[in-house]
Amino acid sequence: MAKLVIRSLLTFSDGSGILVISHTNAAVDEINRTIGRHCQRLFSYPNFVGTIQSFVDQFLAIPYFVNQFRKRPTSIEQSSYDDAANRF
């Protein structure tokens, strides 16, 4: 956590940011609860703090979907897919 606080104070001249990926929302919530008030910049662009799934959705799946179908998806989750597949 201390490394994240220190790194969040740095600015990168090339516009890059800090990427923190976790497997669980609980870990992301713990990071936010522990250091969120000390380094709010860590939780805004160009930095990313989240789960693997939220990273894939935000930076890979949704941009790919928009590029392919020229519209934003209404939902990205297995249960929505299963429901639609069953109706089909």
N, C-alpha and C. Protein backbone atom coordinates (compact mmCIF):
# COMPACT_ATOMS: atom_id res chain seq x y z
N MET A 1 0.82 -1.19 0.00
CA MET A 1 0.00 0.00 0.00
C MET A 1 0.87 1.26 0.00
N ALA A 2 1.96 1.22 0.76
CA ALA A 2 2.84 2.39 0.82
C ALA A 2 3.42 2.70 -0.55
N LYS A 3 3.78 1.67 -1.31
CA LYS A 3 4.32 1.90 -2.65
C LYS A 3 3.29 2.56 -3.55
N LEU A 4 2.03 2.16 -3.42
CA LEU A 4 0.99 2.78 -4.23
C LEU A 4 0.80 4.25 -3.87
N VAL A 5 0.84 4.55 -2.59
CA VAL A 5 0.71 5.95 -2.17
C VAL A 5 1.84 6.78 -2.75
N ILE A 6 3.06 6.29 -2.64
CA ILE A 6 4.22 7.02 -3.15
C ILE A 6 4.14 7.18 -4.66
N ARG A 7 3.83 6.10 -5.35
CA ARG A 7 3.76 6.16 -6.81
C ARG A 7 2.61 7.04 -7.29
N SER A 8 1.54 7.11 -6.54
CA SER A 8 0.40 7.94 -6.95
C SER A 8 0.75 9.42 -6.93
N LEU A 9 1.78 9.79 -6.19
CA LEU A 9 2.21 11.19 -6.13
C LEU A 9 3.04 11.59 -7.34
N LEU A 10 3.56 10.59 -8.06
CA LEU A 10 4.39 10.86 -9.23
C LEU A 10 3.53 11.20 -10.43
N THR A 11 4.05 12.05 -11.28
CA THR A 11 3.42 12.29 -12.58
C THR A 11 4.38 11.80 -13.65
N PHE A 12 3.85 11.16 -14.65
CA PHE A 12 4.67 10.61 -15.72
C PHE A 12 4.58 11.53 -16.92
N SER A 13 5.72 11.96 -17.44
CA SER A 13 5.75 12.92 -18.53
C SER A 13 5.16 12.37 -19.82
N ASP A 14 5.14 11.05 -19.97
CA ASP A 14 4.60 10.47 -21.20
C ASP A 14 3.10 10.19 -21.11
N GLY A 15 2.45 10.60 -20.03
CA GLY A 15 1.01 10.41 -19.88
C GLY A 15 0.60 9.03 -19.40
N SER A 16 1.57 8.17 -19.08
CA SER A 16 1.23 6.83 -18.61
C SER A 16 0.74 6.89 -17.17
N GLY A 17 0.21 5.79 -16.69
CA GLY A 17 -0.33 5.75 -15.35
C GLY A 17 0.02 4.47 -14.63
N ILE A 18 -0.65 4.24 -13.55
CA ILE A 18 -0.41 3.08 -12.69
C ILE A 18 -1.57 2.10 -12.88
N LEU A 19 -1.24 0.82 -13.03
CA LEU A 19 -2.23 -0.22 -13.19
C LEU A 19 -2.18 -1.15 -11.98
N VAL A 20 -3.30 -1.26 -11.28
CA VAL A 20 -3.41 -2.17 -10.13
C VAL A 20 -4.56 -3.12 -10.46
N ILE A 21 -4.24 -4.40 -10.66
CA ILE A 21 -5.25 -5.39 -11.00
C ILE A 21 -5.34 -6.42 -9.88
N SER A 22 -6.56 -6.74 -9.51
CA SER A 22 -6.83 -7.72 -8.46
C SER A 22 -7.77 -8.79 -8.99
N HIS A 23 -7.81 -9.91 -8.32
CA HIS A 23 -8.76 -10.95 -8.68
C HIS A 23 -10.14 -10.69 -8.11
N THR A 24 -10.23 -9.98 -7.01
CA THR A 24 -11.51 -9.82 -6.33
C THR A 24 -11.88 -8.37 -6.09
N ASN A 25 -13.19 -8.11 -6.03
CA ASN A 25 -13.67 -6.79 -5.67
C ASN A 25 -13.32 -6.46 -4.23
N ALA A 26 -13.24 -7.47 -3.37
CA ALA A 26 -12.90 -7.24 -1.97
C ALA A 26 -11.52 -6.62 -1.85
N ALA A 27 -10.57 -7.08 -2.64
CA ALA A 27 -9.22 -6.51 -2.60
C ALA A 27 -9.22 -5.07 -3.11
N VAL A 28 -9.97 -4.80 -4.16
CA VAL A 28 -10.07 -3.43 -4.68
C VAL A 28 -10.70 -2.53 -3.63
N ASP A 29 -11.77 -3.02 -2.98
CA ASP A 29 -12.42 -2.24 -1.93
C ASP A 29 -11.46 -1.98 -0.76
N GLU A 30 -10.64 -2.96 -0.43
CA GLU A 30 -9.66 -2.79 0.66
C GLU A 30 -8.63 -1.72 0.30
N ILE A 31 -8.16 -1.73 -0.93
CA ILE A 31 -7.20 -0.71 -1.38
C ILE A 31 -7.85 0.66 -1.29
N ASN A 32 -9.06 0.76 -1.79
CA ASN A 32 -9.78 2.04 -1.75
C ASN A 32 -10.03 2.50 -0.33
N ARG A 33 -10.46 1.59 0.52
CA ARG A 33 -10.75 1.94 1.92
C ARG A 33 -9.48 2.36 2.67
N THR A 34 -8.36 1.68 2.39
CA THR A 34 -7.13 1.93 3.12
C THR A 34 -6.42 3.20 2.68
N ILE A 35 -6.29 3.39 1.37
CA ILE A 35 -5.49 4.53 0.89
C ILE A 35 -6.25 5.50 0.00
N GLY A 36 -7.53 5.24 -0.25
CA GLY A 36 -8.31 6.07 -1.16
C GLY A 36 -8.34 7.54 -0.80
N ARG A 37 -8.45 7.84 0.47
CA ARG A 37 -8.53 9.26 0.87
C ARG A 37 -7.18 9.96 0.80
N HIS A 38 -6.09 9.17 0.79
CA HIS A 38 -4.75 9.75 0.75
C HIS A 38 -4.25 10.00 -0.67
N CYS A 39 -4.76 9.24 -1.60
CA CYS A 39 -4.28 9.40 -2.99
C CYS A 39 -5.44 9.18 -3.96
N GLN A 40 -6.30 10.15 -4.04
CA GLN A 40 -7.46 10.06 -4.92
C GLN A 40 -7.07 9.99 -6.39
N ARG A 41 -5.92 10.54 -6.75
CA ARG A 41 -5.47 10.50 -8.14
C ARG A 41 -5.25 9.07 -8.62
N LEU A 42 -4.94 8.16 -7.70
CA LEU A 42 -4.72 6.77 -8.07
C LEU A 42 -5.98 6.15 -8.67
N PHE A 43 -7.15 6.66 -8.32
CA PHE A 43 -8.41 6.09 -8.76
C PHE A 43 -9.04 6.85 -9.93
N SER A 44 -8.24 7.65 -10.62
CA SER A 44 -8.74 8.37 -11.79
C SER A 44 -7.76 8.21 -12.96
N TYR A 45 -8.23 8.54 -14.15
CA TYR A 45 -7.44 8.42 -15.37
C TYR A 45 -6.15 9.23 -15.25
N PRO A 46 -5.02 8.73 -15.71
CA PRO A 46 -4.77 7.53 -16.52
C PRO A 46 -4.51 6.28 -15.70
N ASN A 47 -4.69 6.35 -14.40
CA ASN A 47 -4.47 5.19 -13.54
C ASN A 47 -5.70 4.28 -13.56
N PHE A 48 -5.51 3.02 -13.21
CA PHE A 48 -6.63 2.08 -13.13
C PHE A 48 -6.42 1.18 -11.92
N VAL A 49 -7.44 1.09 -11.09
CA VAL A 49 -7.46 0.16 -9.96
C VAL A 49 -8.75 -0.63 -10.09
N GLY A 50 -8.64 -1.94 -10.27
CA GLY A 50 -9.84 -2.75 -10.43
C GLY A 50 -9.51 -4.22 -10.57
N THR A 51 -10.54 -4.97 -10.91
CA THR A 51 -10.37 -6.41 -11.08
C THR A 51 -9.94 -6.73 -12.50
N ILE A 52 -9.47 -7.94 -12.69
CA ILE A 52 -9.11 -8.38 -14.03
C ILE A 52 -10.31 -8.27 -14.95
N GLN A 53 -11.47 -8.70 -14.45
CA GLN A 53 -12.68 -8.66 -15.27
C GLN A 53 -13.06 -7.24 -15.66
N SER A 54 -13.00 -6.30 -14.72
CA SER A 54 -13.36 -4.92 -15.05
C SER A 54 -12.36 -4.31 -16.03
N PHE A 55 -11.08 -4.69 -15.92
CA PHE A 55 -10.07 -4.21 -16.86
C PHE A 55 -10.36 -4.74 -18.27
N VAL A 56 -10.61 -6.04 -18.37
CA VAL A 56 -10.89 -6.64 -19.67
C VAL A 56 -12.14 -6.02 -20.28
N ASP A 57 -13.19 -5.85 -19.48
CA ASP A 57 -14.42 -5.24 -19.99
C ASP A 57 -14.17 -3.82 -20.49
N GLN A 58 -13.52 -3.00 -19.67
CA GLN A 58 -13.35 -1.59 -19.99
C GLN A 58 -12.40 -1.33 -21.15
N PHE A 59 -11.30 -2.08 -21.22
CA PHE A 59 -10.27 -1.77 -22.20
C PHE A 59 -10.19 -2.74 -23.37
N LEU A 60 -10.84 -3.89 -23.29
CA LEU A 60 -10.76 -4.86 -24.38
C LEU A 60 -12.14 -5.20 -24.95
N ALA A 61 -13.03 -5.75 -24.12
CA ALA A 61 -14.31 -6.25 -24.62
C ALA A 61 -15.22 -5.14 -25.15
N ILE A 62 -15.42 -4.09 -24.38
CA ILE A 62 -16.32 -3.02 -24.83
C ILE A 62 -15.76 -2.29 -26.05
N PRO A 63 -14.48 -1.90 -26.07
CA PRO A 63 -13.96 -1.27 -27.30
C PRO A 63 -14.06 -2.18 -28.52
N TYR A 64 -13.82 -3.47 -28.35
CA TYR A 64 -13.95 -4.40 -29.47
C TYR A 64 -15.40 -4.46 -29.95
N PHE A 65 -16.34 -4.57 -29.03
CA PHE A 65 -17.76 -4.62 -29.38
C PHE A 65 -18.18 -3.36 -30.13
N VAL A 66 -17.77 -2.20 -29.61
CA VAL A 66 -18.12 -0.93 -30.25
C VAL A 66 -17.51 -0.86 -31.65
N ASN A 67 -16.28 -1.32 -31.80
CA ASN A 67 -15.62 -1.32 -33.11
C ASN A 67 -16.34 -2.25 -34.10
N GLN A 68 -16.78 -3.39 -33.63
CA GLN A 68 -17.43 -4.36 -34.51
C GLN A 68 -18.87 -4.01 -34.86
N PHE A 69 -19.63 -3.51 -33.88
CA PHE A 69 -21.07 -3.33 -34.07
C PHE A 69 -21.52 -1.87 -34.07
N ARG A 70 -20.59 -0.95 -33.85
CA ARG A 70 -20.87 0.49 -33.88
C ARG A 70 -21.94 0.92 -32.88
N LYS A 71 -22.03 0.20 -31.77
CA LYS A 71 -22.92 0.60 -30.68
C LYS A 71 -22.35 0.05 -29.38
N ARG A 72 -22.78 0.63 -28.28
CA ARG A 72 -22.31 0.18 -26.96
C ARG A 72 -23.13 -1.02 -26.52
N PRO A 73 -22.49 -1.98 -25.85
CA PRO A 73 -23.23 -3.14 -25.37
C PRO A 73 -24.16 -2.74 -24.22
N THR A 74 -25.27 -3.44 -24.12
CA THR A 74 -26.18 -3.16 -23.01
C THR A 74 -25.73 -3.87 -21.74
N SER A 75 -25.00 -4.99 -21.90
CA SER A 75 -24.55 -5.76 -20.75
C SER A 75 -23.42 -6.68 -21.18
N ILE A 76 -22.48 -6.90 -20.26
CA ILE A 76 -21.42 -7.89 -20.50
C ILE A 76 -21.39 -8.77 -19.27
N GLU A 77 -22.09 -9.87 -19.35
CA GLU A 77 -22.08 -10.82 -18.25
C GLU A 77 -22.63 -12.15 -18.74
N GLN A 78 -22.19 -13.20 -18.13
CA GLN A 78 -22.55 -14.55 -18.57
C GLN A 78 -24.05 -14.81 -18.47
N SER A 79 -24.68 -14.35 -17.40
CA SER A 79 -26.11 -14.65 -17.23
C SER A 79 -26.95 -13.99 -18.32
N SER A 80 -26.59 -12.78 -18.75
CA SER A 80 -27.33 -12.13 -19.84
C SER A 80 -27.18 -12.91 -21.13
N TYR A 81 -25.97 -13.41 -21.38
CA TYR A 81 -25.73 -14.22 -22.57
C TYR A 81 -26.56 -15.51 -22.50
N ASP A 82 -26.53 -16.17 -21.35
CA ASP A 82 -27.29 -17.41 -21.20
C ASP A 82 -28.78 -17.19 -21.42
N ASP A 83 -29.33 -16.12 -20.86
CA ASP A 83 -30.75 -15.82 -21.03
C ASP A 83 -31.08 -15.58 -22.50
N ALA A 84 -30.25 -14.80 -23.17
CA ALA A 84 -30.49 -14.53 -24.60
C ALA A 84 -30.36 -15.79 -25.44
N ALA A 85 -29.38 -16.63 -25.13
CA ALA A 85 -29.18 -17.87 -25.87
C ALA A 85 -30.36 -18.82 -25.66
N ASN A 86 -30.89 -18.87 -24.45
CA ASN A 86 -32.04 -19.73 -24.17
C ASN A 86 -33.30 -19.24 -24.89
N ARG A 87 -33.47 -17.93 -24.99
CA ARG A 87 -34.63 -17.38 -25.71
C ARG A 87 -34.52 -17.66 -27.20
N PHE A 88 -33.30 -17.69 -27.72
CA PHE A 88 -33.08 -17.93 -29.14
C PHE A 88 -33.44 -19.36 -29.48
